[in-house]
Protein backbone atom coordinates (compact mmCIF):
# COMPACT_ATOMS: atom_id res chain seq x y z
CA UNK A 1 72.78 -41.43 1.40
CA UNK A 2 70.32 -40.48 -1.35
CA UNK A 3 70.78 -43.52 -3.50
CA UNK A 4 69.48 -46.01 -0.96
CA UNK A 5 66.54 -43.58 0.02
CA UNK A 6 65.55 -43.36 -3.73
CA UNK A 7 65.71 -46.94 -4.01
CA UNK A 8 63.37 -47.57 -1.05
CA UNK A 9 61.13 -44.84 -2.39
CA UNK A 10 61.03 -46.59 -5.70
CA UNK A 11 60.38 -50.06 -4.08
CA UNK A 12 57.58 -48.67 -1.89
CA UNK A 13 55.92 -47.08 -5.04
CA UNK A 14 56.10 -50.24 -6.96
CA UNK A 15 54.76 -52.32 -4.07
CA UNK A 16 51.78 -49.90 -3.65
CA UNK A 17 50.99 -49.88 -7.58
CA UNK A 18 51.24 -53.82 -7.51
CA UNK A 19 49.12 -54.13 -4.42
CA UNK A 20 46.49 -51.63 -5.93
CA UNK A 21 46.33 -53.56 -9.18
CA UNK A 22 46.05 -56.94 -7.57
CA UNK A 23 43.62 -55.56 -5.09
CA UNK A 24 41.27 -54.13 -7.87
CA UNK A 25 41.57 -57.42 -9.81
CA UNK A 26 40.79 -59.67 -6.88
CA UNK A 27 38.26 -57.35 -5.39
CA UNK A 28 36.38 -57.13 -8.81
CA UNK A 29 36.62 -60.90 -9.23
CA UNK A 30 35.07 -61.48 -5.84
CA UNK A 31 32.46 -58.98 -6.39
CA UNK A 32 31.19 -60.43 -9.52
CA UNK A 33 31.30 -63.91 -8.10
CA UNK A 34 29.43 -63.07 -4.96
CA UNK A 35 25.79 -63.43 -4.39
CA UNK A 36 23.33 -62.99 -1.38
CA UNK A 37 19.96 -64.27 -0.48
CA UNK A 38 17.63 -61.72 0.65
CA UNK A 39 13.80 -60.98 0.70
CA UNK A 40 12.58 -59.12 -2.13
CA UNK A 41 9.00 -58.41 -3.25
CA UNK A 42 7.84 -61.11 -0.98
CA UNK A 43 10.19 -63.73 -2.42
CA UNK A 44 13.33 -65.40 -1.36
CA UNK A 45 15.69 -63.91 -3.94
CA UNK A 46 19.30 -64.31 -5.02
CA UNK A 47 21.10 -61.09 -5.73
CA UNK A 48 24.17 -61.00 -8.03
CA UNK A 49 26.08 -57.98 -9.20
CA UNK A 50 27.02 -57.55 -13.01
CA UNK A 51 28.77 -54.87 -15.06
CA UNK A 52 26.05 -54.80 -17.61
CA UNK A 53 24.41 -51.65 -16.22
CA UNK A 54 21.06 -53.59 -16.19
CA UNK A 55 18.66 -54.63 -13.63
CA UNK A 56 17.49 -58.32 -14.62
CA UNK A 57 14.66 -59.92 -12.73
CA UNK A 58 14.42 -63.70 -13.32
CA UNK A 59 10.89 -64.60 -12.44
CA UNK A 60 10.87 -68.37 -13.08
CA UNK A 61 9.40 -70.74 -15.64
CA UNK A 62 5.75 -69.21 -15.88
CA UNK A 63 6.07 -65.52 -16.10
CA UNK A 64 8.55 -63.72 -18.43
CA UNK A 65 11.98 -62.19 -17.22
CA UNK A 66 12.37 -58.52 -16.84
CA UNK A 67 15.16 -56.19 -17.60
CA UNK A 68 15.66 -52.46 -17.07
CA UNK A 69 18.45 -50.02 -17.35
CA UNK A 70 20.26 -49.35 -13.85
CA UNK A 71 21.29 -45.83 -14.70
CA UNK A 72 24.96 -46.85 -13.96
CA UNK A 73 27.87 -49.13 -14.81
CA UNK A 74 26.83 -51.56 -12.22
CA UNK A 75 23.75 -53.67 -12.41
CA UNK A 76 22.20 -56.52 -10.66
CA UNK A 77 20.58 -59.96 -11.32
CA UNK A 78 17.69 -60.80 -9.26
CA UNK A 79 16.59 -64.49 -9.32
CA UNK A 80 13.32 -64.85 -7.61
CA UNK A 81 12.69 -68.08 -5.43
CA UNK A 82 10.16 -69.16 -3.14
CA UNK A 83 7.16 -67.14 -2.18
CA UNK A 84 4.04 -67.76 0.31
CA UNK A 85 1.65 -66.38 -2.54
CA UNK A 86 -1.09 -68.85 -2.99
CA UNK A 87 -1.83 -68.24 -6.80
CA UNK A 88 -0.16 -66.71 -9.67
CA UNK A 89 -2.69 -64.17 -10.11
CA UNK A 90 -2.13 -63.00 -6.47
CA UNK A 91 1.54 -62.96 -6.93
CA UNK A 92 1.47 -60.93 -10.21
CA UNK A 93 -0.84 -58.24 -8.47
CA UNK A 94 1.55 -58.23 -5.57
CA UNK A 95 4.27 -57.29 -7.97
CA UNK A 96 2.16 -54.41 -9.17
CA UNK A 97 1.51 -52.98 -5.96
CA UNK A 98 5.05 -53.26 -4.79
CA UNK A 99 6.35 -51.82 -8.05
CA UNK A 100 4.13 -48.76 -8.01
CA UNK A 101 6.18 -47.85 -4.73
CA UNK A 102 9.71 -49.06 -5.75
CA UNK A 103 11.70 -46.97 -3.14
CA UNK A 104 11.89 -49.71 -0.63
CA UNK A 105 12.96 -52.69 -2.76
CA UNK A 106 15.46 -50.22 -4.44
CA UNK A 107 16.91 -49.21 -1.34
CA UNK A 108 17.25 -52.94 -0.04
CA UNK A 109 18.92 -54.16 -3.27
CA UNK A 110 21.19 -51.19 -3.48
CA UNK A 111 22.13 -51.74 0.15
CA UNK A 112 22.86 -55.48 -0.41
CA UNK A 113 25.07 -54.49 -3.62
CA UNK A 114 26.96 -51.99 -1.69
CA UNK A 115 27.65 -54.35 1.22
CA UNK A 116 28.96 -56.90 -1.38
CA UNK A 117 31.29 -54.21 -2.87
CA UNK A 118 32.59 -53.30 0.48
CA UNK A 119 33.23 -56.83 1.45
CA UNK A 120 34.77 -57.69 -1.82
CA UNK A 121 37.10 -54.54 -1.53
CA UNK A 122 38.36 -55.69 1.92
CA UNK A 123 38.99 -59.29 0.84
CA UNK A 124 40.50 -58.12 -2.46
CA UNK A 125 42.97 -55.77 -0.48
CA UNK A 126 43.82 -58.54 2.01
CA UNK A 127 44.47 -61.10 -0.84
CA UNK A 128 46.74 -58.57 -2.81
CA UNK A 129 49.05 -58.43 0.21
CA UNK A 130 49.72 -61.98 0.28
CA UNK A 131 52.16 -61.96 -2.67
CA UNK A 132 53.76 -58.80 -1.44
CA UNK A 133 54.32 -60.30 2.09
CA UNK A 134 55.52 -63.69 0.53
CA UNK A 135 57.92 -61.72 -1.71
CA UNK A 136 59.25 -59.73 1.43
CA UNK A 137 59.55 -62.80 3.55
CA UNK A 138 61.46 -64.82 1.07
CA UNK A 139 64.19 -62.12 0.77
CA UNK A 140 66.46 -61.08 -2.08
CA UNK A 141 69.00 -63.95 -1.79
CA UNK A 142 66.32 -66.71 -1.70
CA UNK A 143 64.55 -65.22 -4.75
CA UNK A 144 67.79 -65.46 -6.59
CA UNK A 145 68.26 -68.98 -5.85
CA UNK A 146 64.79 -69.78 -6.84
CA UNK A 147 65.13 -67.88 -10.18
CA UNK A 148 68.23 -69.94 -10.94
CA UNK A 149 66.23 -73.19 -10.13
CA UNK A 150 63.58 -72.26 -12.38
CA UNK A 151 65.94 -72.09 -15.27
CA UNK A 152 66.99 -75.65 -14.64
CA UNK A 153 65.35 -78.83 -16.09
CA UNK A 154 63.86 -79.35 -12.54
CA UNK A 155 62.22 -76.02 -12.82
CA UNK A 156 60.74 -76.57 -16.24
CA UNK A 157 59.27 -79.91 -14.87
CA UNK A 158 57.72 -78.11 -11.98
CA UNK A 159 56.04 -75.44 -14.14
CA UNK A 160 54.59 -78.03 -16.39
CA UNK A 161 53.34 -80.01 -13.42
CA UNK A 162 51.51 -76.85 -12.10
CA UNK A 163 50.20 -76.07 -15.46
CA UNK A 164 48.67 -79.45 -15.79
CA UNK A 165 47.04 -79.40 -12.57
CA UNK A 166 45.36 -76.00 -13.46
CA UNK A 167 44.05 -77.48 -16.64
CA UNK A 168 42.59 -80.51 -15.04
CA UNK A 169 40.96 -78.36 -12.37
CA UNK A 170 39.46 -76.16 -15.03
CA UNK A 171 38.30 -78.96 -17.21
CA UNK A 172 38.19 -76.96 -20.51
CA UNK A 173 37.05 -79.87 -22.50
CA UNK A 174 33.60 -79.96 -20.67
CA UNK A 175 30.91 -78.58 -22.95
CA UNK A 176 27.91 -77.40 -21.17
CA UNK A 177 24.58 -77.35 -22.82
CA UNK A 178 23.40 -74.14 -24.11
CA UNK A 179 21.20 -72.38 -21.45
CA UNK A 180 17.52 -72.00 -22.44
CA UNK A 181 17.80 -68.16 -21.95
CA UNK A 182 20.01 -68.10 -24.79
CA UNK A 183 17.24 -68.90 -27.12
CA UNK A 184 15.20 -66.08 -25.75
CA UNK A 185 15.37 -62.42 -27.00
CA UNK A 186 14.65 -59.30 -25.08
CA UNK A 187 11.81 -57.21 -26.40
CA UNK A 188 10.17 -54.01 -25.14
CA UNK A 189 7.29 -54.44 -22.98
CA UNK A 190 4.93 -52.48 -25.37
CA UNK A 191 6.03 -54.89 -28.26
CA UNK A 192 5.36 -57.90 -26.25
CA UNK A 193 1.92 -56.87 -25.22
CA UNK A 194 1.18 -55.86 -28.75
CA UNK A 195 -0.01 -52.27 -27.96
CA UNK A 196 -3.05 -53.52 -26.27
CA UNK A 197 -2.30 -51.72 -23.00
CA UNK A 198 -1.27 -48.15 -22.61
CA UNK A 199 1.84 -48.19 -20.51
CA UNK A 200 3.02 -45.59 -17.86
CA UNK A 201 6.04 -43.53 -18.72
CA UNK A 202 8.23 -45.09 -16.04
CA UNK A 203 8.16 -48.60 -17.59
CA UNK A 204 8.80 -47.34 -21.14
CA UNK A 205 12.37 -48.85 -21.01
CA UNK A 206 11.30 -52.17 -19.48
CA UNK A 207 12.07 -55.26 -21.53
CA UNK A 208 10.81 -58.70 -21.16
CA UNK A 209 12.18 -62.18 -22.38
CA UNK A 210 10.00 -65.27 -23.19
CA UNK A 211 9.69 -66.98 -26.43
CA UNK A 212 6.60 -69.07 -25.61
CA UNK A 213 4.12 -67.31 -23.52
CA UNK A 214 0.31 -68.30 -23.16
CA UNK A 215 -2.48 -65.70 -23.62
CA UNK A 216 -3.30 -66.24 -19.91
CA UNK A 217 0.17 -65.08 -18.91
CA UNK A 218 -0.25 -62.12 -21.11
CA UNK A 219 -3.63 -61.12 -19.61
CA UNK A 220 -1.82 -61.38 -16.13
CA UNK A 221 0.88 -59.15 -17.05
CA UNK A 222 -1.80 -56.64 -18.69
CA UNK A 223 -3.72 -56.69 -15.43
CA UNK A 224 -0.56 -56.01 -13.47
CA UNK A 225 0.15 -52.95 -15.64
CA UNK A 226 -3.20 -51.65 -15.16
CA UNK A 227 -2.93 -52.09 -11.37
CA UNK A 228 0.49 -50.55 -11.37
CA UNK A 229 -0.89 -47.43 -13.07
CA UNK A 230 -3.85 -47.08 -10.98
CA UNK A 231 -1.92 -47.60 -7.53
CA UNK A 232 0.89 -45.30 -8.59
CA UNK A 233 -1.40 -42.55 -9.77
CA UNK A 234 -3.79 -42.86 -6.76
CA UNK A 235 -1.19 -42.56 -4.08
CA UNK A 236 0.91 -40.05 -5.89
CA UNK A 237 -2.02 -37.63 -6.13
CA UNK A 238 -2.76 -38.29 -2.56
CA UNK A 239 0.77 -37.43 -1.51
CA UNK A 240 0.74 -34.30 -3.64
CA UNK A 241 -2.68 -33.20 -2.09
CA UNK A 242 -1.07 -33.78 1.37
CA UNK A 243 1.67 -31.34 0.74
CA UNK A 244 -1.06 -28.73 0.47
CA UNK A 245 -2.73 -29.41 3.68
CA UNK A 246 -3.15 -26.51 6.03
CA UNK A 247 -2.14 -28.02 9.24
CA UNK A 248 -1.24 -26.37 12.50
CA UNK A 249 2.36 -24.91 12.40
CA UNK A 250 4.72 -25.70 15.17
CA UNK A 251 6.13 -22.93 17.37
CA UNK A 252 9.96 -22.48 17.54
CA UNK A 253 10.17 -24.35 20.68
CA UNK A 254 7.81 -27.16 19.80
CA UNK A 255 8.59 -30.62 18.19
CA UNK A 256 6.08 -32.46 16.15
CA UNK A 257 6.12 -36.31 15.83
CA UNK A 258 4.11 -38.29 13.17
CA UNK A 259 2.27 -41.25 14.47
CA UNK A 260 1.57 -44.18 12.22
CA UNK A 261 -0.01 -47.70 12.93
CA UNK A 262 -1.55 -50.60 11.40
CA UNK A 263 -0.13 -50.24 7.89
CA UNK A 264 -0.49 -53.98 7.08
CA UNK A 265 1.81 -53.96 4.12
CA UNK A 266 0.28 -50.98 2.36
CA UNK A 267 3.50 -49.45 1.03
CA UNK A 268 1.51 -46.89 -1.07
CA UNK A 269 0.42 -44.93 2.01
CA UNK A 270 4.06 -44.51 3.14
CA UNK A 271 4.73 -41.52 0.76
CA UNK A 272 1.42 -40.10 1.77
CA UNK A 273 2.14 -40.42 5.39
CA UNK A 274 5.57 -38.69 4.90
CA UNK A 275 4.00 -35.94 3.01
CA UNK A 276 1.67 -35.28 5.78
CA UNK A 277 4.28 -35.27 8.23
CA UNK A 278 6.36 -32.79 6.15
CA UNK A 279 3.10 -30.62 5.82
CA UNK A 280 2.89 -30.67 9.68
CA UNK A 281 6.55 -30.04 10.56
CA UNK A 282 7.12 -33.50 11.94
CA UNK A 283 10.84 -34.32 12.63
CA UNK A 284 10.27 -37.77 14.09
CA UNK A 285 7.97 -40.74 13.60
CA UNK A 286 6.21 -43.23 16.02
CA UNK A 287 5.38 -46.51 14.64
CA UNK A 288 2.86 -48.29 16.67
CA UNK A 289 3.12 -51.61 14.98
CA UNK A 290 1.22 -53.99 12.58
CA UNK A 291 3.45 -53.00 9.80
CA UNK A 292 2.79 -56.70 8.36
CA UNK A 293 0.14 -59.09 8.44
CA UNK A 294 1.95 -62.23 9.81
CA UNK A 295 5.55 -60.93 10.84
CA UNK A 296 7.38 -63.32 8.40
CA UNK A 297 10.34 -62.41 6.29
CA UNK A 298 8.35 -62.26 3.05
CA UNK A 299 6.91 -59.17 4.30
CA UNK A 300 10.28 -57.47 4.57
CA UNK A 301 9.16 -55.22 1.54
CA UNK A 302 6.86 -53.44 3.75
CA UNK A 303 9.44 -52.72 6.51
CA UNK A 304 11.85 -51.45 3.69
CA UNK A 305 9.24 -49.17 2.36
CA UNK A 306 8.52 -47.43 5.63
CA UNK A 307 12.21 -47.32 6.45
CA UNK A 308 12.93 -45.62 3.13
CA UNK A 309 10.22 -43.27 3.52
CA UNK A 310 11.48 -41.95 6.94
CA UNK A 311 15.08 -42.55 6.55
CA UNK A 312 16.25 -39.07 7.45
CA UNK A 313 14.04 -38.70 10.62
CA UNK A 314 14.24 -40.13 14.09
CA UNK A 315 12.24 -43.35 14.24
CA UNK A 316 10.90 -45.20 17.20
CA UNK A 317 8.60 -48.23 17.19
CA UNK A 318 7.01 -51.05 18.71
CA UNK A 319 5.83 -54.48 17.27
CA UNK A 320 2.00 -55.09 16.89
CA UNK A 321 0.20 -58.47 17.50
CA UNK A 322 0.42 -59.22 13.71
CA UNK A 323 4.15 -58.48 13.72
CA UNK A 324 4.64 -61.43 16.40
CA UNK A 325 7.99 -63.16 16.44
CA UNK A 326 11.55 -61.71 16.24
CA UNK A 327 11.79 -60.91 12.63
CA UNK A 328 9.96 -57.44 12.46
CA UNK A 329 11.69 -55.99 15.68
CA UNK A 330 15.09 -57.10 14.53
CA UNK A 331 14.59 -56.22 10.92
CA UNK A 332 13.74 -52.57 12.06
CA UNK A 333 16.38 -52.41 14.67
CA UNK A 334 19.09 -53.39 12.05
CA UNK A 335 17.87 -50.41 9.87
CA UNK A 336 18.16 -47.64 12.31
CA UNK A 337 14.77 -47.76 14.21
CA UNK A 338 14.93 -47.44 17.85
CA UNK A 339 12.69 -50.39 19.01
CA UNK A 340 11.36 -49.58 22.47
CA UNK A 341 11.35 -52.21 25.16
CA UNK A 342 10.33 -51.05 28.51
CA UNK A 343 10.79 -54.62 30.10
CA UNK A 344 14.42 -53.57 30.46
CA UNK A 345 13.12 -50.45 32.60
CA UNK A 346 15.23 -48.08 30.19
CA UNK A 347 13.68 -44.58 29.47
CA UNK A 348 14.55 -43.33 26.09
CA UNK A 349 15.05 -39.60 25.26
CA UNK A 350 12.40 -39.21 22.72
CA UNK A 351 11.63 -36.16 20.28
CA UNK A 352 11.78 -32.96 22.09
CA UNK A 353 13.82 -34.62 24.81
CA UNK A 354 10.62 -35.98 26.19
CA UNK A 355 11.10 -39.32 28.05
CA UNK A 356 9.67 -42.11 26.14
CA UNK A 357 8.88 -45.75 26.89
CA UNK A 358 7.18 -48.53 25.19
CA UNK A 359 6.71 -52.28 24.66
CA UNK A 360 5.52 -54.71 21.92
CA UNK A 361 2.14 -56.28 22.02
CA UNK A 362 2.26 -59.65 23.89
CA UNK A 363 -0.43 -61.23 21.54
CA UNK A 364 0.22 -62.86 18.15
CA UNK A 365 -2.31 -62.87 15.05
CA UNK A 366 -2.15 -63.93 11.50
CA UNK A 367 -4.23 -63.65 8.60
CA UNK A 368 -7.09 -65.58 10.21
CA UNK A 369 -9.52 -64.69 13.08
CA UNK A 370 -7.27 -66.60 15.65
CA UNK A 371 -5.00 -64.63 18.22
CA UNK A 372 -2.58 -66.24 20.77
CA UNK A 373 -1.20 -64.81 24.01
CA UNK A 374 2.37 -64.95 24.66
CA UNK A 375 4.07 -66.10 27.87
CA UNK A 376 2.29 -63.44 29.63
CA UNK A 377 -1.17 -62.35 29.09
CA UNK A 378 -2.32 -58.83 27.99
CA UNK A 379 -3.33 -57.68 31.39
CA UNK A 380 -0.10 -59.11 32.88
CA UNK A 381 2.00 -57.26 30.53
CA UNK A 382 0.01 -54.17 31.31
CA UNK A 383 0.66 -54.42 34.96
CA UNK A 384 4.37 -55.00 34.52
CA UNK A 385 4.45 -51.94 32.16
CA UNK A 386 2.84 -49.79 34.75
CA UNK A 387 5.40 -51.05 37.27
CA UNK A 388 8.29 -50.13 35.02
CA UNK A 389 6.96 -46.69 34.06
CA UNK A 390 6.08 -45.65 37.42
CA UNK A 391 9.29 -46.80 38.86
CA UNK A 392 11.20 -44.47 36.36
CA UNK A 393 13.56 -41.86 37.70
CA UNK A 394 11.49 -39.12 35.86
CA UNK A 395 7.83 -38.86 34.69
CA UNK A 396 7.27 -40.59 31.33
CA UNK A 397 5.91 -38.19 28.81
CA UNK A 398 4.81 -40.71 26.24
CA UNK A 399 4.05 -44.61 26.24
CA UNK A 400 4.05 -46.07 22.81
CA UNK A 401 2.24 -49.35 22.43
CA UNK A 402 0.25 -51.14 19.80
CA UNK A 403 -3.12 -51.20 21.79
CA UNK A 404 -3.52 -48.16 23.95
CA UNK A 405 -5.44 -50.37 26.49
CA UNK A 406 -2.11 -51.76 27.42
CA UNK A 407 -1.34 -48.63 29.26
CA UNK A 408 -4.52 -48.35 31.09
CA UNK A 409 -2.96 -49.30 34.42
CA UNK A 410 -0.13 -46.74 33.80
CA UNK A 411 -2.66 -43.98 33.38
CA UNK A 412 -4.77 -45.10 36.28
CA UNK A 413 -1.78 -44.81 38.50
CA UNK A 414 -0.96 -41.36 37.05
CA UNK A 415 2.51 -42.15 35.75
CA UNK A 416 2.52 -40.89 32.18
CA UNK A 417 1.23 -37.89 30.30
CA UNK A 418 0.05 -39.75 27.15
CA UNK A 419 -0.36 -43.32 26.02
CA UNK A 420 -0.74 -43.77 22.26
CA UNK A 421 -1.45 -46.81 20.06
CA UNK A 422 -3.52 -48.04 17.29
CA UNK A 423 -4.87 -51.73 16.73
CA UNK A 424 -8.54 -50.91 16.47
CA UNK A 425 -8.35 -49.41 12.98
CA UNK A 426 -10.38 -46.42 13.90
CA UNK A 427 -9.40 -43.30 15.85
CA UNK A 428 -10.42 -42.87 19.54
CA UNK A 429 -9.78 -40.03 22.01
CA UNK A 430 -7.92 -38.25 23.28
CA UNK A 431 -9.41 -39.41 26.58
CA UNK A 432 -8.26 -37.67 29.61
CA UNK A 433 -7.60 -39.88 32.80
CA UNK A 434 -6.92 -38.42 36.28
CA UNK A 435 -4.62 -40.96 38.10
CA UNK A 436 -4.93 -42.13 41.51
CA UNK A 437 -2.07 -39.68 42.53
CA UNK A 438 -3.96 -36.72 41.05
CA UNK A 439 -1.78 -36.52 37.80
CA UNK A 440 -3.35 -36.02 34.52
CA UNK A 441 -2.76 -38.18 31.55
CA UNK A 442 -4.31 -39.06 28.05
CA UNK A 443 -5.14 -42.17 26.17
CA UNK A 444 -5.32 -41.85 22.35
CA UNK A 445 -5.75 -44.29 19.49
CA UNK A 446 -5.03 -43.45 16.08
CA UNK A 447 -6.66 -45.08 12.95
CA UNK A 448 -5.13 -47.41 10.57
CA UNK A 449 -2.52 -45.80 8.41
CA UNK A 450 -2.76 -48.50 5.72
CA UNK A 451 -6.41 -48.13 5.41
CA UNK A 452 -6.70 -51.68 6.28
CA UNK A 453 -10.16 -53.41 6.54
CA UNK A 454 -8.36 -56.65 7.17
CA UNK A 455 -4.99 -57.93 8.05
CA UNK A 456 -3.41 -57.05 4.95
CA UNK A 457 -4.00 -53.96 3.14
CA UNK A 458 -2.08 -54.27 -0.26
CA UNK A 459 -4.24 -52.67 -2.97
CA UNK A 460 -4.43 -50.08 -5.59
CA UNK A 461 -6.20 -47.64 -3.17
CA UNK A 462 -7.06 -47.73 0.57
CA UNK A 463 -10.09 -49.94 1.50
CA UNK A 464 -11.15 -47.91 4.56
CA UNK A 465 -10.08 -44.50 6.01
CA UNK A 466 -6.50 -44.01 6.51
CA UNK A 467 -5.23 -42.08 9.32
CA UNK A 468 -2.03 -40.50 10.72
CA UNK A 469 -1.77 -38.18 13.76
CA UNK A 470 0.64 -35.37 14.45
CA UNK A 471 1.80 -35.09 18.27
CA UNK A 472 3.22 -31.87 19.32
CA UNK A 473 5.66 -31.55 22.13
CA UNK A 474 6.77 -28.58 24.21
CA UNK A 475 8.93 -28.43 27.41
CA UNK A 476 9.44 -32.19 27.22
CA UNK A 477 5.73 -32.90 27.22
CA UNK A 478 3.08 -33.75 24.73
CA UNK A 479 0.85 -30.81 24.41
CA UNK A 480 -1.37 -31.34 21.45
CA UNK A 481 -2.66 -33.80 18.82
CA UNK A 482 -4.11 -33.46 15.35
CA UNK A 483 -5.48 -36.32 13.35
CA UNK A 484 -5.29 -36.37 9.41
CA UNK A 485 -7.68 -38.66 7.60
CA UNK A 486 -7.58 -39.86 4.05
CA UNK A 487 -11.05 -41.03 2.84
CA UNK A 488 -11.53 -43.77 0.22
CA UNK A 489 -12.49 -41.13 -2.41
CA UNK A 490 -9.03 -39.44 -1.90
CA UNK A 491 -10.21 -36.45 0.06
CA UNK A 492 -8.30 -35.47 3.21
CA UNK A 493 -9.97 -34.38 6.43
CA UNK A 494 -7.75 -32.52 8.87
CA UNK A 495 -9.03 -32.57 12.42
CA UNK A 496 -8.81 -29.72 14.80
CA UNK A 497 -5.92 -29.37 16.96
CA UNK A 498 -6.55 -30.61 20.54
CA UNK A 499 -4.59 -29.22 23.25
CA UNK A 500 -3.51 -31.51 26.27
CA UNK A 501 -3.46 -29.71 29.52
CA UNK A 502 -2.07 -30.81 32.80
CA UNK A 503 -3.05 -28.29 35.32
CA UNK A 504 -5.33 -29.36 38.19
CA UNK A 505 -8.00 -26.73 37.37
CA UNK A 506 -8.20 -28.15 33.88
CA UNK A 507 -9.21 -31.94 35.09
CA UNK A 508 -11.98 -31.96 32.48
CA UNK A 509 -12.29 -34.27 29.52
CA UNK A 510 -10.44 -33.07 26.52
CA UNK A 511 -12.81 -32.81 23.54
CA UNK A 512 -12.26 -35.93 21.47
CA UNK A 513 -11.88 -35.85 17.57
CA UNK A 514 -14.90 -37.90 17.00
């Protein structure tokens, strides 16, 4: 009884070891041979993993390639493709802005590589099962017969035929031309620039490759380094100052939400907004839209950045008129944001268990001065929003929209406590509204979090006052607002905390911030 049991145990152990070895070999082969096309730094980019422990960015024929230590055994090759940038100068400056806030692209690329590794592991494990299943299906007797046949002249002929087919498929006699990259050496960025530009500490290990580079290209890189340094230092200083702000502290029974809007691709403000939220005790974020300028996939870097900044808190959002189209909404939803859609009539349990509804802006805008309405006009969407909110089973505490005017009818009917949005790029309110049913509600517009003067706010510093707002909830209702502004000179101004009251005897206009 013991001998067969030991034999089965030994057979099982050998099978597991063989499967593990084959799975690792197959998975590793599949992993290193895999590639994904994603949007990185406003480019269509092909991501390929490597085991060199380096991050290599291949920029194309004009700019030098870049290489940096990944800090681990696994590295990645990033081959940049098409972009919508109109000039090389614009593109290089954009690299500098995005590079100064690397968390979004880093998280994006790391997530892609991790996904590739998981897929390769699953496929490698499945492939490794195939020979074991075939071995078991053939059976012991048939295996003995095949072994005897392999020792005959017929078996030898079969082996030679298979070997010949493999050689023909591999074509080892083909001699490919030596790639252009092989003639180029990697040199430290400081050496390549000739010491003409002081480099920040973070890029001390950065290397470039390129044997023939015009002085114009070097000037572009020098400008990018200067922009990178200025941008990183300016926003880092702002984030550090934000952490020391003296803001109202929430009580134990209160929940605070950070409201951002109109970032317009300014990834530098994300760490600043997060620092303000932490200083004010925020545990969730509302995004009122216009995270991008055109709503196109090349702006995924902006969505990656805001997601990385708030990845450990509850996130709720709507799309603005510059986020038109399905890309922004779907991209954020896939990355853990609760994208509100009141057209379905669904009430969401928001922060502090306060009932929450919201809807995207029906308009679409681009980088120019034009604006298109969707299938329904702005007024029609506002009417439908009011109907849905008023028909909800419970009173809605907050309606999140891009333009607070979209909730005008909702407040006029007295169906919500607070309607918040952005769009105007300047703060307004809170304005108290007494509904036709006698209920009190408030309308509030926050300023542009990206400090945007136009539809795109990428820059080494903000172009106009950047704003975020802290919303306090208690007993499932919004009870207060506090706006925080960052001026163009880097100085913060924290507004007074404004209480929101709902008793009938308090039906007077709340003191506005401005």
